[in-house]
Amino acid sequence: MSFRKVNYNEADFDSQIVIAVLINDGKIEASLHHPFESATRAGLEVSQAIDLALHQQAITTDNPEIVVIDEEGLWPSFLVPLT
């Protein structure tokens, strides 16, 4: 399993589950956007965002694609690979 890496312009917030990785106060954090709930959760650990995204994908009709925005190269290499 891998997630596709996209930039903010490529991400489709209306149809994809989007994990964005960023630095906040010197700490790597993730936010998760779910298209059908029109909701974003911020301040997550990257592993929490992955678990939540996979759960949301499994329970959502049509199993939306999970994509990752990681413009600063912060994605931990030991996690699910990015393609």
C-alpha atoms as a PDB file:
ATOM      1  CA  MET A   1       0.000   0.000   0.000  1.00  0.00           C
ATOM      2  CA  SER A   2       1.177   3.521  -0.768  1.00  0.00           C
ATOM      3  CA  PHE A   3      -0.306   6.989  -0.925  1.00  0.00           C
ATOM      4  CA  ARG A   4       0.049   9.349  -3.833  1.00  0.00           C
ATOM      5  CA  LYS A   5       1.950  12.543  -3.105  1.00  0.00           C
ATOM      6  CA  VAL A   6       0.329  15.692  -4.508  1.00  0.00           C
ATOM      7  CA  ASN A   7       0.650  19.441  -4.046  1.00  0.00           C
ATOM      8  CA  TYR A   8      -2.093  21.770  -2.858  1.00  0.00           C
ATOM      9  CA  ASN A   9      -3.172  22.555  -6.432  1.00  0.00           C
ATOM     10  CA  GLU A  10      -3.473  18.877  -7.383  1.00  0.00           C
ATOM     11  CA  ALA A  11      -5.406  17.762  -4.295  1.00  0.00           C
ATOM     12  CA  ASP A  12      -9.141  17.451  -4.854  1.00  0.00           C
ATOM     13  CA  PHE A  13     -10.616  18.341  -1.488  1.00  0.00           C
ATOM     14  CA  ASP A  14     -14.101  17.503  -2.835  1.00  0.00           C
ATOM     15  CA  SER A  15     -13.373  13.852  -3.637  1.00  0.00           C
ATOM     16  CA  GLN A  16     -10.135  12.745  -1.915  1.00  0.00           C
ATOM     17  CA  ILE A  17      -9.118  12.188   1.685  1.00  0.00           C
ATOM     18  CA  VAL A  18      -6.206  14.591   2.053  1.00  0.00           C
ATOM     19  CA  ILE A  19      -3.408  14.322   4.617  1.00  0.00           C
ATOM     20  CA  ALA A  20      -1.242  17.446   4.798  1.00  0.00           C
ATOM     21  CA  VAL A  21       2.082  17.278   6.636  1.00  0.00           C
ATOM     22  CA  LEU A  22       3.589  20.461   8.061  1.00  0.00           C
ATOM     23  CA  ILE A  23       5.732  21.898  10.822  1.00  0.00           C
ATOM     24  CA  ASN A  24       3.890  23.662  13.625  1.00  0.00           C
ATOM     25  CA  ASP A  25       5.912  25.173  16.479  1.00  0.00           C
ATOM     26  CA  GLY A  26       8.905  23.036  15.503  1.00  0.00           C
ATOM     27  CA  LYS A  27       6.916  19.786  15.553  1.00  0.00           C
ATOM     28  CA  ILE A  28       5.858  17.675  12.566  1.00  0.00           C
ATOM     29  CA  GLU A  29       2.062  17.500  12.479  1.00  0.00           C
ATOM     30  CA  ALA A  30      -0.608  16.363  10.077  1.00  0.00           C
ATOM     31  CA  SER A  31      -4.058  17.561   9.208  1.00  0.00           C
ATOM     32  CA  LEU A  32      -6.706  15.365   7.660  1.00  0.00           C
ATOM     33  CA  HIS A  33      -9.515  16.536   5.384  1.00  0.00           C
ATOM     34  CA  HIS A  34     -12.476  14.266   4.629  1.00  0.00           C
ATOM     35  CA  PRO A  35     -14.411  15.390   1.543  1.00  0.00           C
ATOM     36  CA  PHE A  36     -17.876  14.150   2.430  1.00  0.00           C
ATOM     37  CA  GLU A  37     -17.849  15.397   5.998  1.00  0.00           C
ATOM     38  CA  SER A  38     -16.403  18.746   4.860  1.00  0.00           C
ATOM     39  CA  ALA A  39     -14.255  18.533   7.959  1.00  0.00           C
ATOM     40  CA  THR A  40     -10.577  19.006   8.687  1.00  0.00           C
ATOM     41  CA  ARG A  41      -8.794  17.680  11.759  1.00  0.00           C
ATOM     42  CA  ALA A  42      -5.537  19.413  12.637  1.00  0.00           C
ATOM     43  CA  GLY A  43      -2.721  18.796  15.092  1.00  0.00           C
ATOM     44  CA  LEU A  44      -2.536  15.046  14.532  1.00  0.00           C
ATOM     45  CA  GLU A  45       0.564  12.899  14.614  1.00  0.00           C
ATOM     46  CA  VAL A  46       1.262  11.567  11.122  1.00  0.00           C
ATOM     47  CA  SER A  47       0.542   7.970  12.211  1.00  0.00           C
ATOM     48  CA  GLN A  48      -2.807   9.081  13.693  1.00  0.00           C
ATOM     49  CA  ALA A  49      -3.715  10.785  10.418  1.00  0.00           C
ATOM     50  CA  ILE A  50      -2.900   7.602   8.479  1.00  0.00           C
ATOM     51  CA  ASP A  51      -4.998   5.413  10.799  1.00  0.00           C
ATOM     52  CA  LEU A  52      -7.927   7.821  10.654  1.00  0.00           C
ATOM     53  CA  ALA A  53      -7.679   8.190   6.860  1.00  0.00           C
ATOM     54  CA  LEU A  54      -7.682   4.410   6.355  1.00  0.00           C
ATOM     55  CA  HIS A  55     -10.676   4.059   8.682  1.00  0.00           C
ATOM     56  CA  GLN A  56     -12.560   6.852   6.900  1.00  0.00           C
ATOM     57  CA  GLN A  57     -11.752   5.314   3.527  1.00  0.00           C
ATOM     58  CA  ALA A  58     -13.061   1.915   4.639  1.00  0.00           C
ATOM     59  CA  ILE A  59     -16.390   3.249   5.893  1.00  0.00           C
ATOM     60  CA  THR A  60     -17.039   5.737   3.078  1.00  0.00           C
ATOM     61  CA  THR A  61     -18.973   4.735  -0.015  1.00  0.00           C
ATOM     62  CA  ASP A  62     -16.731   4.607  -3.098  1.00  0.00           C
ATOM     63  CA  ASN A  63     -13.590   4.363  -0.907  1.00  0.00           C
ATOM     64  CA  PRO A  64     -12.101   7.769  -1.789  1.00  0.00           C
ATOM     65  CA  GLU A  65      -8.414   7.927  -2.642  1.00  0.00           C
ATOM     66  CA  ILE A  66      -6.027   9.010   0.118  1.00  0.00           C
ATOM     67  CA  VAL A  67      -3.457  11.574  -1.034  1.00  0.00           C
ATOM     68  CA  VAL A  68      -0.664  13.335   0.846  1.00  0.00           C
ATOM     69  CA  ILE A  69       0.510  16.923   0.623  1.00  0.00           C
ATOM     70  CA  ASP A  70       4.117  17.035   1.805  1.00  0.00           C
ATOM     71  CA  GLU A  71       5.739  20.016   0.140  1.00  0.00           C
ATOM     72  CA  GLU A  72       8.575  20.214   2.687  1.00  0.00           C
ATOM     73  CA  GLY A  73       9.594  16.524   2.573  1.00  0.00           C
ATOM     74  CA  LEU A  74       8.575  15.819   6.174  1.00  0.00           C
ATOM     75  CA  TRP A  75       6.873  12.441   5.630  1.00  0.00           C
ATOM     76  CA  PRO A  76       8.643   9.874   7.846  1.00  0.00           C
ATOM     77  CA  SER A  77      10.314   7.251   5.647  1.00  0.00           C
ATOM     78  CA  PHE A  78       9.308   4.374   7.935  1.00  0.00           C
ATOM     79  CA  LEU A  79       5.580   4.962   7.256  1.00  0.00           C
ATOM     80  CA  VAL A  80       3.460   4.079   4.250  1.00  0.00           C
ATOM     81  CA  PRO A  81       5.497   4.986   1.130  1.00  0.00           C
ATOM     82  CA  LEU A  82       4.534   7.898  -1.082  1.00  0.00           C
ATOM     83  CA  THR A  83       4.394   7.486  -4.851  1.00  0.00           C
END
